[in-house]
């Protein structure tokens, strides 16, 4: 089952075409890995698929909902972790997670779920810190928890392990494998060959804005 479909998706910054017209489908229970050199258009593609940046052309459907014509329904099924997670300056890590759970109507049982996730990713002792006190690796782990604290069917991850240590990367791989087993459709961009080897059901290569199956 295709949980995300993109048709004729492209994006230009002025006269520069960062992403050529692209078709892409993400299937339930599969992990797709996106590779490509720096500046190839990976983050542009991710931002367009997430709905954070409107494409110059094309359509995106998430779980059968048009991302722009039916944005609330589409985004209920879609979670996105950018390469640099963004945080509210005045909220602690715990408060961020609670805010997201309530925003997605999954406040019931929040405390137990949040504690389990924070302990699993070794952030429990730092739960009451403001995220600007976090290291780069801690920020990436918290960004992933923002997705895991809420329900989703499609998960987009932009360079999710760029600052993780070996143990955290292995935990991340186990978590993604579990999500795949539960039927999620996952797309992650990475320069880490271990993710491709250990996770990928499909591999795509993006260069100069052109997407091809590897």
N, C-alpha and C. Protein backbone atom coordinates (compact mmCIF):
# COMPACT_ATOMS: atom_id res chain seq x y z
N UNK A 1 0.84 -1.19 0.00
CA UNK A 1 0.00 0.00 0.00
C UNK A 1 0.88 1.25 0.00
N UNK A 2 0.61 2.17 -0.90
CA UNK A 2 1.39 3.39 -1.00
C UNK A 2 0.81 4.44 -0.03
N UNK A 3 1.60 4.82 0.96
CA UNK A 3 1.14 5.77 1.97
C UNK A 3 1.54 7.21 1.64
N UNK A 4 2.54 7.38 0.82
CA UNK A 4 2.89 8.72 0.31
C UNK A 4 3.15 8.61 -1.18
N UNK A 5 2.57 9.53 -1.92
CA UNK A 5 2.77 9.60 -3.37
C UNK A 5 3.06 11.04 -3.77
N UNK A 6 4.10 11.22 -4.55
CA UNK A 6 4.43 12.53 -5.10
C UNK A 6 4.44 12.42 -6.62
N UNK A 7 3.82 13.39 -7.26
CA UNK A 7 3.69 13.38 -8.72
C UNK A 7 4.24 14.70 -9.28
N UNK A 8 5.23 14.60 -10.16
CA UNK A 8 5.74 15.80 -10.83
C UNK A 8 6.27 16.85 -9.89
N UNK A 9 6.84 16.41 -8.77
CA UNK A 9 7.30 17.34 -7.73
C UNK A 9 8.59 18.02 -8.15
N UNK A 10 8.62 19.34 -8.10
CA UNK A 10 9.85 20.09 -8.40
C UNK A 10 9.90 21.34 -7.54
N UNK A 11 11.11 21.87 -7.43
CA UNK A 11 11.26 23.14 -6.69
C UNK A 11 12.43 23.93 -7.26
N UNK A 12 12.18 25.22 -7.43
CA UNK A 12 13.22 26.14 -7.90
C UNK A 12 13.38 27.29 -6.93
N UNK A 13 14.63 27.71 -6.76
CA UNK A 13 14.95 28.92 -6.01
C UNK A 13 15.32 29.98 -7.04
N UNK A 14 14.36 30.82 -7.37
CA UNK A 14 14.59 31.76 -8.46
C UNK A 14 14.78 31.01 -9.77
N UNK A 15 15.89 31.25 -10.44
CA UNK A 15 16.16 30.58 -11.70
C UNK A 15 16.88 29.24 -11.52
N UNK A 16 17.24 28.91 -10.28
CA UNK A 16 17.97 27.67 -10.02
C UNK A 16 16.99 26.56 -9.66
N UNK A 17 17.01 25.48 -10.45
CA UNK A 17 16.13 24.34 -10.18
C UNK A 17 16.86 23.37 -9.26
N UNK A 18 16.45 23.35 -7.99
CA UNK A 18 17.07 22.47 -7.01
C UNK A 18 16.56 21.04 -7.12
N UNK A 19 15.31 20.88 -7.58
CA UNK A 19 14.70 19.57 -7.71
C UNK A 19 13.95 19.50 -9.02
N UNK A 20 14.40 18.61 -9.91
CA UNK A 20 13.73 18.41 -11.19
C UNK A 20 12.43 17.65 -10.96
N UNK A 21 11.47 17.72 -11.90
CA UNK A 21 10.19 17.02 -11.72
C UNK A 21 10.40 15.55 -11.34
N UNK A 22 9.79 15.16 -10.23
CA UNK A 22 10.07 13.88 -9.60
C UNK A 22 8.79 13.18 -9.21
N UNK A 23 8.74 11.87 -9.46
CA UNK A 23 7.68 11.01 -8.94
C UNK A 23 8.29 10.10 -7.88
N UNK A 24 7.57 9.91 -6.80
CA UNK A 24 8.08 9.08 -5.70
C UNK A 24 6.91 8.48 -4.95
N UNK A 25 7.06 7.22 -4.54
CA UNK A 25 6.04 6.57 -3.72
C UNK A 25 6.72 5.86 -2.56
N UNK A 26 6.12 5.98 -1.37
CA UNK A 26 6.60 5.28 -0.18
C UNK A 26 5.55 4.27 0.24
N UNK A 27 6.00 3.02 0.40
CA UNK A 27 5.09 1.93 0.69
C UNK A 27 5.03 1.61 2.18
N UNK A 28 3.88 1.17 2.63
CA UNK A 28 3.72 0.73 4.01
C UNK A 28 4.68 -0.42 4.29
N UNK A 29 5.32 -0.40 5.46
CA UNK A 29 6.22 -1.47 5.84
C UNK A 29 7.53 -1.48 5.11
N UNK A 30 7.95 -0.35 4.56
CA UNK A 30 9.23 -0.26 3.85
C UNK A 30 10.01 0.95 4.32
N UNK A 31 11.34 0.80 4.30
CA UNK A 31 12.25 1.91 4.56
C UNK A 31 12.99 2.24 3.28
N UNK A 32 12.86 3.47 2.84
CA UNK A 32 13.58 3.95 1.66
C UNK A 32 14.69 4.88 2.12
N UNK A 33 15.87 4.69 1.56
CA UNK A 33 17.03 5.51 1.90
C UNK A 33 17.36 6.41 0.73
N UNK A 34 17.59 7.68 1.02
CA UNK A 34 17.90 8.69 0.02
C UNK A 34 19.35 9.11 0.18
N UNK A 35 20.15 8.89 -0.86
CA UNK A 35 21.56 9.26 -0.86
C UNK A 35 21.81 10.38 -1.85
N UNK A 36 22.96 11.02 -1.71
CA UNK A 36 23.35 12.06 -2.65
C UNK A 36 24.35 13.00 -2.03
N UNK A 37 25.17 13.65 -2.83
CA UNK A 37 26.17 14.57 -2.29
C UNK A 37 25.52 15.81 -1.69
N UNK A 38 26.31 16.55 -0.95
CA UNK A 38 25.83 17.82 -0.40
C UNK A 38 25.38 18.73 -1.54
N UNK A 39 24.24 19.39 -1.35
CA UNK A 39 23.74 20.29 -2.38
C UNK A 39 23.01 19.62 -3.51
N UNK A 40 22.71 18.32 -3.35
CA UNK A 40 22.07 17.58 -4.43
C UNK A 40 20.57 17.81 -4.50
N UNK A 41 19.98 18.35 -3.41
CA UNK A 41 18.54 18.57 -3.38
C UNK A 41 17.81 17.72 -2.38
N UNK A 42 18.54 16.97 -1.54
CA UNK A 42 17.89 16.06 -0.59
C UNK A 42 17.00 16.81 0.40
N UNK A 43 17.56 17.84 1.02
CA UNK A 43 16.77 18.59 2.00
C UNK A 43 15.60 19.31 1.34
N UNK A 44 15.79 19.79 0.12
CA UNK A 44 14.68 20.41 -0.61
C UNK A 44 13.56 19.42 -0.82
N UNK A 45 13.90 18.21 -1.24
CA UNK A 45 12.88 17.17 -1.43
C UNK A 45 12.17 16.88 -0.12
N UNK A 46 12.93 16.73 0.96
CA UNK A 46 12.32 16.43 2.25
C UNK A 46 11.39 17.55 2.71
N UNK A 47 11.81 18.78 2.55
CA UNK A 47 10.97 19.90 2.97
C UNK A 47 9.68 19.97 2.16
N UNK A 48 9.77 19.67 0.87
CA UNK A 48 8.56 19.66 0.04
C UNK A 48 7.63 18.52 0.46
N UNK A 49 8.18 17.32 0.66
CA UNK A 49 7.36 16.18 1.05
C UNK A 49 6.70 16.39 2.41
N UNK A 50 7.37 17.12 3.30
CA UNK A 50 6.84 17.35 4.64
C UNK A 50 5.77 18.42 4.68
N UNK A 51 5.67 19.22 3.62
CA UNK A 51 4.71 20.32 3.61
C UNK A 51 5.25 21.61 4.19
N UNK A 52 6.53 21.63 4.59
CA UNK A 52 7.11 22.85 5.14
C UNK A 52 7.55 23.82 4.05
N UNK A 53 7.70 23.33 2.83
CA UNK A 53 8.05 24.20 1.71
C UNK A 53 7.20 23.80 0.51
N UNK A 54 6.49 24.74 -0.03
CA UNK A 54 5.60 24.42 -1.14
C UNK A 54 6.41 24.20 -2.41
N UNK A 55 6.17 23.09 -3.12
CA UNK A 55 6.91 22.84 -4.35
C UNK A 55 6.50 23.81 -5.46
N UNK A 56 7.39 23.96 -6.43
CA UNK A 56 7.06 24.80 -7.58
C UNK A 56 6.00 24.14 -8.45
N UNK A 57 6.08 22.81 -8.57
CA UNK A 57 5.08 22.04 -9.32
C UNK A 57 4.83 20.73 -8.59
N UNK A 58 3.71 20.10 -8.91
CA UNK A 58 3.46 18.75 -8.44
C UNK A 58 2.43 18.63 -7.34
N UNK A 59 2.12 17.40 -7.01
CA UNK A 59 1.15 17.06 -5.97
C UNK A 59 1.76 16.05 -5.02
N UNK A 60 1.31 16.09 -3.77
CA UNK A 60 1.73 15.13 -2.75
C UNK A 60 0.49 14.63 -2.04
N UNK A 61 0.35 13.31 -1.97
CA UNK A 61 -0.75 12.70 -1.25
C UNK A 61 -0.18 11.87 -0.10
N UNK A 62 -0.75 12.04 1.09
CA UNK A 62 -0.33 11.29 2.26
C UNK A 62 -1.54 10.53 2.80
N UNK A 63 -1.44 9.21 2.80
CA UNK A 63 -2.54 8.36 3.26
C UNK A 63 -3.85 8.71 2.55
N UNK A 64 -3.72 9.02 1.27
CA UNK A 64 -4.89 9.33 0.45
C UNK A 64 -5.36 10.75 0.51
N UNK A 65 -4.69 11.62 1.27
CA UNK A 65 -5.10 13.02 1.41
C UNK A 65 -4.11 13.94 0.71
N UNK A 66 -4.62 14.89 -0.06
CA UNK A 66 -3.77 15.89 -0.70
C UNK A 66 -3.13 16.76 0.38
N UNK A 67 -1.80 16.89 0.32
CA UNK A 67 -1.07 17.59 1.37
C UNK A 67 -1.45 19.06 1.47
N UNK A 68 -1.94 19.64 0.38
CA UNK A 68 -2.28 21.05 0.41
C UNK A 68 -3.79 21.29 0.40
N UNK A 69 -4.54 20.48 -0.33
CA UNK A 69 -5.99 20.65 -0.35
C UNK A 69 -6.64 20.13 0.93
N UNK A 70 -5.99 19.16 1.57
CA UNK A 70 -6.54 18.55 2.80
C UNK A 70 -5.41 18.44 3.83
N UNK A 71 -4.79 19.58 4.09
CA UNK A 71 -3.56 19.60 4.90
C UNK A 71 -3.73 19.01 6.30
N UNK A 72 -4.77 19.34 7.07
CA UNK A 72 -4.85 18.78 8.43
C UNK A 72 -4.88 17.25 8.44
N UNK A 73 -5.69 16.65 7.56
CA UNK A 73 -5.77 15.19 7.53
C UNK A 73 -4.46 14.57 7.07
N UNK A 74 -3.83 15.17 6.06
CA UNK A 74 -2.56 14.63 5.56
C UNK A 74 -1.49 14.68 6.64
N UNK A 75 -1.42 15.79 7.36
CA UNK A 75 -0.34 15.95 8.34
C UNK A 75 -0.58 15.15 9.61
N UNK A 76 -1.79 14.71 9.84
CA UNK A 76 -2.01 13.79 10.96
C UNK A 76 -1.27 12.48 10.74
N UNK A 77 -1.10 12.11 9.49
CA UNK A 77 -0.45 10.84 9.16
C UNK A 77 1.04 10.98 8.90
N UNK A 78 1.56 12.21 8.98
CA UNK A 78 2.93 12.49 8.53
C UNK A 78 3.75 13.08 9.66
N UNK A 79 4.93 12.50 9.91
CA UNK A 79 5.87 13.06 10.89
C UNK A 79 7.19 13.33 10.16
N UNK A 80 7.84 14.43 10.54
CA UNK A 80 9.07 14.85 9.87
C UNK A 80 10.10 15.28 10.89
N UNK A 81 11.32 14.77 10.74
CA UNK A 81 12.45 15.21 11.56
C UNK A 81 13.46 15.87 10.65
N UNK A 82 13.64 17.20 10.76
CA UNK A 82 14.62 17.88 9.91
C UNK A 82 16.05 17.61 10.37
N UNK A 83 17.02 17.99 9.55
CA UNK A 83 18.42 17.76 9.91
C UNK A 83 18.84 18.60 11.11
N UNK A 84 18.18 19.73 11.30
CA UNK A 84 18.40 20.56 12.49
C UNK A 84 17.05 20.75 13.17
N UNK A 85 16.73 19.96 14.19
CA UNK A 85 15.42 20.10 14.85
C UNK A 85 15.24 21.50 15.43
N UNK A 86 14.02 22.00 15.36
CA UNK A 86 13.69 23.32 15.88
C UNK A 86 12.95 23.18 17.20
N UNK A 87 13.26 24.06 18.13
CA UNK A 87 12.67 23.99 19.46
C UNK A 87 12.10 25.34 19.86
N UNK A 88 11.10 25.30 20.75
CA UNK A 88 10.61 26.52 21.40
C UNK A 88 11.58 26.89 22.52
N UNK A 89 12.00 28.14 22.54
CA UNK A 89 13.04 28.56 23.49
C UNK A 89 12.61 28.42 24.94
N UNK A 90 11.29 28.53 25.21
CA UNK A 90 10.83 28.58 26.59
C UNK A 90 10.33 27.23 27.12
N UNK A 91 10.37 26.17 26.31
CA UNK A 91 9.85 24.87 26.74
C UNK A 91 10.99 23.89 27.00
N UNK A 92 10.87 23.14 28.08
CA UNK A 92 11.82 22.05 28.35
C UNK A 92 11.55 20.89 27.39
N UNK A 93 12.45 19.92 27.41
CA UNK A 93 12.24 18.74 26.57
C UNK A 93 10.94 18.04 26.92
N UNK A 94 10.67 17.88 28.22
CA UNK A 94 9.43 17.24 28.67
C UNK A 94 8.22 18.02 28.21
N UNK A 95 8.26 19.33 28.32
CA UNK A 95 7.13 20.17 27.92
C UNK A 95 6.92 20.12 26.41
N UNK A 96 8.00 20.02 25.64
CA UNK A 96 7.86 19.85 24.19
C UNK A 96 7.07 18.58 23.87
N UNK A 97 7.47 17.49 24.51
CA UNK A 97 6.81 16.21 24.24
C UNK A 97 5.34 16.25 24.64
N UNK A 98 5.05 16.84 25.79
CA UNK A 98 3.66 16.94 26.23
C UNK A 98 2.84 17.80 25.28
N UNK A 99 3.42 18.91 24.83
CA UNK A 99 2.74 19.78 23.88
C UNK A 99 2.39 19.02 22.60
N UNK A 100 3.33 18.25 22.09
CA UNK A 100 3.09 17.51 20.85
C UNK A 100 2.04 16.42 21.05
N UNK A 101 2.11 15.73 22.18
CA UNK A 101 1.10 14.69 22.45
C UNK A 101 -0.29 15.28 22.51
N UNK A 102 -0.43 16.40 23.20
CA UNK A 102 -1.74 17.04 23.30
C UNK A 102 -2.21 17.57 21.95
N UNK A 103 -1.29 18.11 21.17
CA UNK A 103 -1.65 18.64 19.85
C UNK A 103 -2.17 17.55 18.93
N UNK A 104 -1.73 16.30 19.15
CA UNK A 104 -2.16 15.19 18.31
C UNK A 104 -3.19 14.30 19.01
N UNK A 105 -3.78 14.84 20.07
CA UNK A 105 -4.87 14.15 20.77
C UNK A 105 -4.48 12.78 21.32
N UNK A 106 -3.23 12.68 21.79
CA UNK A 106 -2.77 11.43 22.41
C UNK A 106 -2.19 11.74 23.79
N UNK A 107 -2.90 12.58 24.54
CA UNK A 107 -2.45 12.93 25.87
C UNK A 107 -2.62 11.83 26.90
N UNK A 108 -3.59 10.95 26.66
CA UNK A 108 -3.82 9.85 27.61
C UNK A 108 -2.61 8.93 27.65
N UNK A 109 -2.11 8.66 28.86
CA UNK A 109 -0.95 7.81 29.02
C UNK A 109 0.36 8.46 28.63
N UNK A 110 0.34 9.78 28.47
CA UNK A 110 1.53 10.48 28.00
C UNK A 110 2.74 10.26 28.91
N UNK A 111 2.55 10.41 30.23
CA UNK A 111 3.70 10.39 31.13
C UNK A 111 4.47 9.08 31.03
N UNK A 112 3.77 7.97 30.99
CA UNK A 112 4.45 6.67 30.90
C UNK A 112 5.16 6.51 29.56
N UNK A 113 4.49 6.92 28.48
CA UNK A 113 5.11 6.80 27.16
C UNK A 113 6.34 7.70 27.05
N UNK A 114 6.22 8.93 27.54
CA UNK A 114 7.35 9.86 27.46
C UNK A 114 8.52 9.37 28.28
N UNK A 115 8.25 8.87 29.49
CA UNK A 115 9.35 8.36 30.32
C UNK A 115 10.05 7.19 29.64
N UNK A 116 9.28 6.29 29.07
CA UNK A 116 9.88 5.14 28.38
C UNK A 116 10.80 5.60 27.25
N UNK A 117 10.33 6.53 26.44
CA UNK A 117 11.14 7.02 25.32
C UNK A 117 12.38 7.76 25.80
N UNK A 118 12.22 8.63 26.78
CA UNK A 118 13.36 9.40 27.27
C UNK A 118 14.41 8.50 27.91
N UNK A 119 13.98 7.50 28.63
CA UNK A 119 14.95 6.56 29.21
C UNK A 119 15.64 5.74 28.11
N UNK A 120 14.86 5.31 27.14
CA UNK A 120 15.41 4.49 26.06
C UNK A 120 16.51 5.24 25.32
N UNK A 121 16.31 6.54 25.12
CA UNK A 121 17.28 7.34 24.37
C UNK A 121 18.22 8.14 25.28
N UNK A 122 18.27 7.76 26.55
CA UNK A 122 19.22 8.33 27.51
C UNK A 122 19.06 9.84 27.67
N UNK A 123 17.81 10.29 27.67
CA UNK A 123 17.52 11.71 27.87
C UNK A 123 16.71 11.98 29.14
N UNK A 124 16.44 10.94 29.92
CA UNK A 124 15.57 11.10 31.08
C UNK A 124 16.12 12.12 32.07
N UNK A 125 17.39 12.06 32.36
CA UNK A 125 17.97 12.98 33.34
C UNK A 125 17.99 14.41 32.83
N UNK A 126 17.87 14.59 31.52
CA UNK A 126 17.90 15.94 30.93
C UNK A 126 16.51 16.41 30.51
N UNK A 127 15.46 15.75 31.02
CA UNK A 127 14.10 16.04 30.55
C UNK A 127 13.64 17.45 30.91
N UNK A 128 14.18 18.01 31.99
CA UNK A 128 13.73 19.33 32.43
C UNK A 128 14.65 20.46 31.96
N UNK A 129 15.59 20.14 31.09
CA UNK A 129 16.45 21.16 30.52
C UNK A 129 15.79 21.79 29.30
N UNK A 130 16.12 23.03 29.04
CA UNK A 130 15.74 23.65 27.77
C UNK A 130 16.64 23.06 26.68
N UNK A 131 16.08 22.75 25.52
CA UNK A 131 16.87 22.05 24.50
C UNK A 131 18.10 22.81 24.02
N UNK A 132 18.17 24.13 24.22
CA UNK A 132 19.38 24.82 23.76
C UNK A 132 20.59 24.45 24.62
N UNK A 133 20.36 23.75 25.74
CA UNK A 133 21.45 23.23 26.54
C UNK A 133 21.90 21.85 26.06
N UNK A 134 21.17 21.27 25.12
CA UNK A 134 21.49 19.93 24.62
C UNK A 134 22.67 19.98 23.65
N UNK A 135 23.43 18.87 23.62
CA UNK A 135 24.43 18.70 22.57
C UNK A 135 23.74 18.44 21.24
N UNK A 136 24.50 18.44 20.17
CA UNK A 136 23.93 18.17 18.84
C UNK A 136 23.31 16.78 18.80
N UNK A 137 24.01 15.79 19.37
CA UNK A 137 23.47 14.43 19.36
C UNK A 137 22.20 14.31 20.18
N UNK A 138 22.17 14.96 21.35
CA UNK A 138 20.96 14.95 22.18
C UNK A 138 19.80 15.62 21.46
N UNK A 139 20.09 16.70 20.74
CA UNK A 139 19.03 17.39 19.99
C UNK A 139 18.44 16.49 18.92
N UNK A 140 19.29 15.71 18.25
CA UNK A 140 18.78 14.79 17.22
C UNK A 140 17.90 13.72 17.84
N UNK A 141 18.31 13.20 18.99
CA UNK A 141 17.49 12.18 19.64
C UNK A 141 16.15 12.76 20.09
N UNK A 142 16.17 13.97 20.62
CA UNK A 142 14.91 14.59 21.02
C UNK A 142 14.02 14.84 19.80
N UNK A 143 14.62 15.24 18.69
CA UNK A 143 13.85 15.43 17.46
C UNK A 143 13.15 14.15 17.03
N UNK A 144 13.83 13.02 17.18
CA UNK A 144 13.19 11.74 16.85
C UNK A 144 12.04 11.44 17.82
N UNK A 145 12.21 11.77 19.09
CA UNK A 145 11.14 11.54 20.06
C UNK A 145 9.91 12.39 19.75
N UNK A 146 10.12 13.56 19.15
CA UNK A 146 8.97 14.38 18.74
C UNK A 146 8.07 13.60 17.79
N UNK A 147 8.68 12.76 16.94
CA UNK A 147 7.88 11.93 16.04
C UNK A 147 7.29 10.73 16.76
N UNK A 148 8.09 10.09 17.62
CA UNK A 148 7.65 8.84 18.25
C UNK A 148 6.57 9.05 19.31
N UNK A 149 6.43 10.25 19.85
CA UNK A 149 5.45 10.49 20.90
C UNK A 149 4.03 10.58 20.34
N UNK A 150 3.89 10.65 19.03
CA UNK A 150 2.58 10.83 18.38
C UNK A 150 2.38 9.75 17.33
N UNK A 151 1.14 9.48 16.93
CA UNK A 151 0.90 8.50 15.87
C UNK A 151 1.26 9.06 14.50
N UNK A 152 1.67 8.19 13.60
CA UNK A 152 1.93 8.59 12.21
C UNK A 152 1.93 7.33 11.35
N UNK A 153 1.78 7.53 10.06
CA UNK A 153 1.90 6.44 9.10
C UNK A 153 3.11 6.61 8.19
N UNK A 154 3.52 7.86 8.00
CA UNK A 154 4.68 8.18 7.16
C UNK A 154 5.68 8.96 8.00
N UNK A 155 6.95 8.54 7.95
CA UNK A 155 8.01 9.20 8.72
C UNK A 155 9.11 9.63 7.75
N UNK A 156 9.44 10.93 7.78
CA UNK A 156 10.51 11.49 6.97
C UNK A 156 11.63 11.94 7.90
N UNK A 157 12.86 11.53 7.59
CA UNK A 157 14.01 11.82 8.45
C UNK A 157 15.15 12.36 7.59
N UNK A 158 15.60 13.58 7.89
CA UNK A 158 16.67 14.21 7.12
C UNK A 158 17.97 14.16 7.93
N UNK A 159 18.90 13.32 7.51
CA UNK A 159 20.19 13.14 8.18
C UNK A 159 20.03 12.88 9.68
N UNK A 160 19.28 11.87 10.06
CA UNK A 160 18.93 11.69 11.47
C UNK A 160 20.06 11.20 12.36
N UNK A 161 21.15 10.67 11.78
CA UNK A 161 22.23 10.12 12.62
C UNK A 161 23.52 10.91 12.47
N UNK A 162 23.46 12.11 11.93
CA UNK A 162 24.68 12.84 11.60
C UNK A 162 25.56 13.13 12.81
N UNK A 163 24.98 13.20 14.02
CA UNK A 163 25.78 13.50 15.22
C UNK A 163 25.58 12.45 16.31
N UNK A 164 25.07 11.26 15.95
CA UNK A 164 24.85 10.23 16.95
C UNK A 164 26.08 9.35 17.11
N UNK A 165 26.31 8.89 18.35
CA UNK A 165 27.39 7.94 18.58
C UNK A 165 26.95 6.54 18.14
N UNK A 166 27.86 5.59 18.24
CA UNK A 166 27.57 4.25 17.74
C UNK A 166 26.40 3.58 18.42
N UNK A 167 26.34 3.67 19.75
CA UNK A 167 25.24 3.04 20.49
C UNK A 167 23.90 3.67 20.12
N UNK A 168 23.88 4.99 20.00
CA UNK A 168 22.63 5.68 19.65
C UNK A 168 22.20 5.34 18.24
N UNK A 169 23.16 5.20 17.33
CA UNK A 169 22.83 4.83 15.96
C UNK A 169 22.23 3.43 15.90
N UNK A 170 22.80 2.51 16.67
CA UNK A 170 22.25 1.15 16.70
C UNK A 170 20.85 1.13 17.30
N UNK A 171 20.62 1.92 18.32
CA UNK A 171 19.27 2.04 18.89
C UNK A 171 18.31 2.61 17.87
N UNK A 172 18.76 3.62 17.15
CA UNK A 172 17.95 4.24 16.10
C UNK A 172 17.56 3.20 15.04
N UNK A 173 18.52 2.39 14.62
CA UNK A 173 18.25 1.36 13.61
C UNK A 173 17.22 0.36 14.12
N UNK A 174 17.34 -0.04 15.38
CA UNK A 174 16.37 -0.98 15.95
C UNK A 174 14.98 -0.36 15.98
N UNK A 175 14.92 0.90 16.35
CA UNK A 175 13.62 1.59 16.42
C UNK A 175 12.97 1.67 15.03
N UNK A 176 13.75 2.02 14.01
CA UNK A 176 13.19 2.11 12.67
C UNK A 176 12.73 0.74 12.17
N UNK A 177 13.48 -0.29 12.48
CA UNK A 177 13.08 -1.64 12.08
C UNK A 177 11.75 -2.02 12.72
N UNK A 178 11.57 -1.63 13.98
CA UNK A 178 10.31 -1.89 14.68
C UNK A 178 9.16 -1.12 14.02
N UNK A 179 9.40 0.13 13.67
CA UNK A 179 8.36 0.93 13.02
C UNK A 179 7.98 0.34 11.67
N UNK A 180 8.98 -0.13 10.93
CA UNK A 180 8.70 -0.79 9.64
C UNK A 180 7.82 -2.02 9.85
N UNK A 181 8.12 -2.79 10.89
CA UNK A 181 7.34 -3.97 11.18
C UNK A 181 5.90 -3.66 11.54
N UNK A 182 5.65 -2.44 12.01
CA UNK A 182 4.29 -2.03 12.35
C UNK A 182 3.58 -1.37 11.17
N UNK A 183 4.24 -1.31 10.01
CA UNK A 183 3.58 -0.84 8.81
C UNK A 183 3.85 0.59 8.41
N UNK A 184 4.78 1.26 9.08
CA UNK A 184 5.09 2.64 8.70
C UNK A 184 5.83 2.68 7.37
N UNK A 185 5.63 3.76 6.64
CA UNK A 185 6.42 4.05 5.43
C UNK A 185 7.45 5.10 5.82
N UNK A 186 8.73 4.80 5.61
CA UNK A 186 9.82 5.63 6.12
C UNK A 186 10.75 6.02 4.98
N UNK A 187 11.10 7.30 4.95
CA UNK A 187 12.13 7.80 4.02
C UNK A 187 13.16 8.55 4.84
N UNK A 188 14.42 8.15 4.71
CA UNK A 188 15.48 8.87 5.41
C UNK A 188 16.61 9.20 4.46
N UNK A 189 17.12 10.41 4.58
CA UNK A 189 18.29 10.81 3.82
C UNK A 189 19.51 10.65 4.71
N UNK A 190 20.63 10.21 4.13
CA UNK A 190 21.79 9.93 4.94
C UNK A 190 23.05 9.85 4.10
N UNK A 191 24.18 10.12 4.77
CA UNK A 191 25.50 9.83 4.21
C UNK A 191 26.12 8.61 4.90
N UNK A 192 25.36 7.99 5.82
CA UNK A 192 25.87 6.88 6.62
C UNK A 192 25.62 5.56 5.89
N UNK A 193 26.67 4.89 5.41
CA UNK A 193 26.46 3.64 4.67
C UNK A 193 25.87 2.52 5.51
N UNK A 194 26.04 2.59 6.84
CA UNK A 194 25.48 1.54 7.70
C UNK A 194 23.96 1.54 7.66
N UNK A 195 23.35 2.71 7.48
CA UNK A 195 21.89 2.77 7.41
C UNK A 195 21.40 2.12 6.12
N UNK A 196 22.11 2.36 5.05
CA UNK A 196 21.74 1.73 3.78
C UNK A 196 21.85 0.21 3.87
N UNK A 197 22.95 -0.25 4.44
CA UNK A 197 23.19 -1.69 4.53
C UNK A 197 22.22 -2.36 5.49
N UNK A 198 21.96 -1.71 6.63
CA UNK A 198 21.19 -2.36 7.67
C UNK A 198 19.70 -2.17 7.58
N UNK A 199 19.23 -1.21 6.76
CA UNK A 199 17.82 -0.86 6.81
C UNK A 199 17.09 -0.86 5.47
N UNK A 200 17.77 -0.50 4.41
CA UNK A 200 17.07 -0.08 3.19
C UNK A 200 16.34 -1.22 2.48
N UNK A 201 15.04 -1.01 2.24
CA UNK A 201 14.30 -1.84 1.30
C UNK A 201 14.43 -1.28 -0.11
N UNK A 202 14.54 0.04 -0.20
CA UNK A 202 14.75 0.72 -1.47
C UNK A 202 15.78 1.82 -1.25
N UNK A 203 16.57 2.08 -2.29
CA UNK A 203 17.59 3.13 -2.23
C UNK A 203 17.41 4.05 -3.42
N UNK A 204 17.40 5.35 -3.14
CA UNK A 204 17.31 6.37 -4.18
C UNK A 204 18.56 7.24 -4.12
N UNK A 205 18.97 7.70 -5.29
CA UNK A 205 20.15 8.57 -5.37
C UNK A 205 19.74 9.88 -6.04
N UNK A 206 20.09 10.98 -5.39
CA UNK A 206 19.72 12.30 -5.89
C UNK A 206 21.00 13.07 -6.19
N UNK A 207 21.10 13.58 -7.38
CA UNK A 207 22.27 14.39 -7.77
C UNK A 207 21.81 15.45 -8.76
N UNK A 208 22.22 16.66 -8.49
CA UNK A 208 21.85 17.81 -9.34
C UNK A 208 20.34 17.90 -9.52
N UNK A 209 19.60 17.54 -8.47
CA UNK A 209 18.16 17.65 -8.51
C UNK A 209 17.43 16.53 -9.23
N UNK A 210 18.17 15.52 -9.68
CA UNK A 210 17.58 14.40 -10.41
C UNK A 210 17.56 13.17 -9.53
N UNK A 211 16.39 12.58 -9.36
CA UNK A 211 16.22 11.40 -8.49
C UNK A 211 16.17 10.14 -9.34
N UNK A 212 16.97 9.15 -8.91
CA UNK A 212 16.99 7.86 -9.58
C UNK A 212 17.04 6.75 -8.56
N UNK A 213 16.45 5.59 -8.89
CA UNK A 213 16.60 4.41 -8.05
C UNK A 213 18.03 3.92 -8.17
N UNK A 214 18.67 3.66 -7.01
CA UNK A 214 20.07 3.21 -7.02
C UNK A 214 20.15 1.71 -7.30
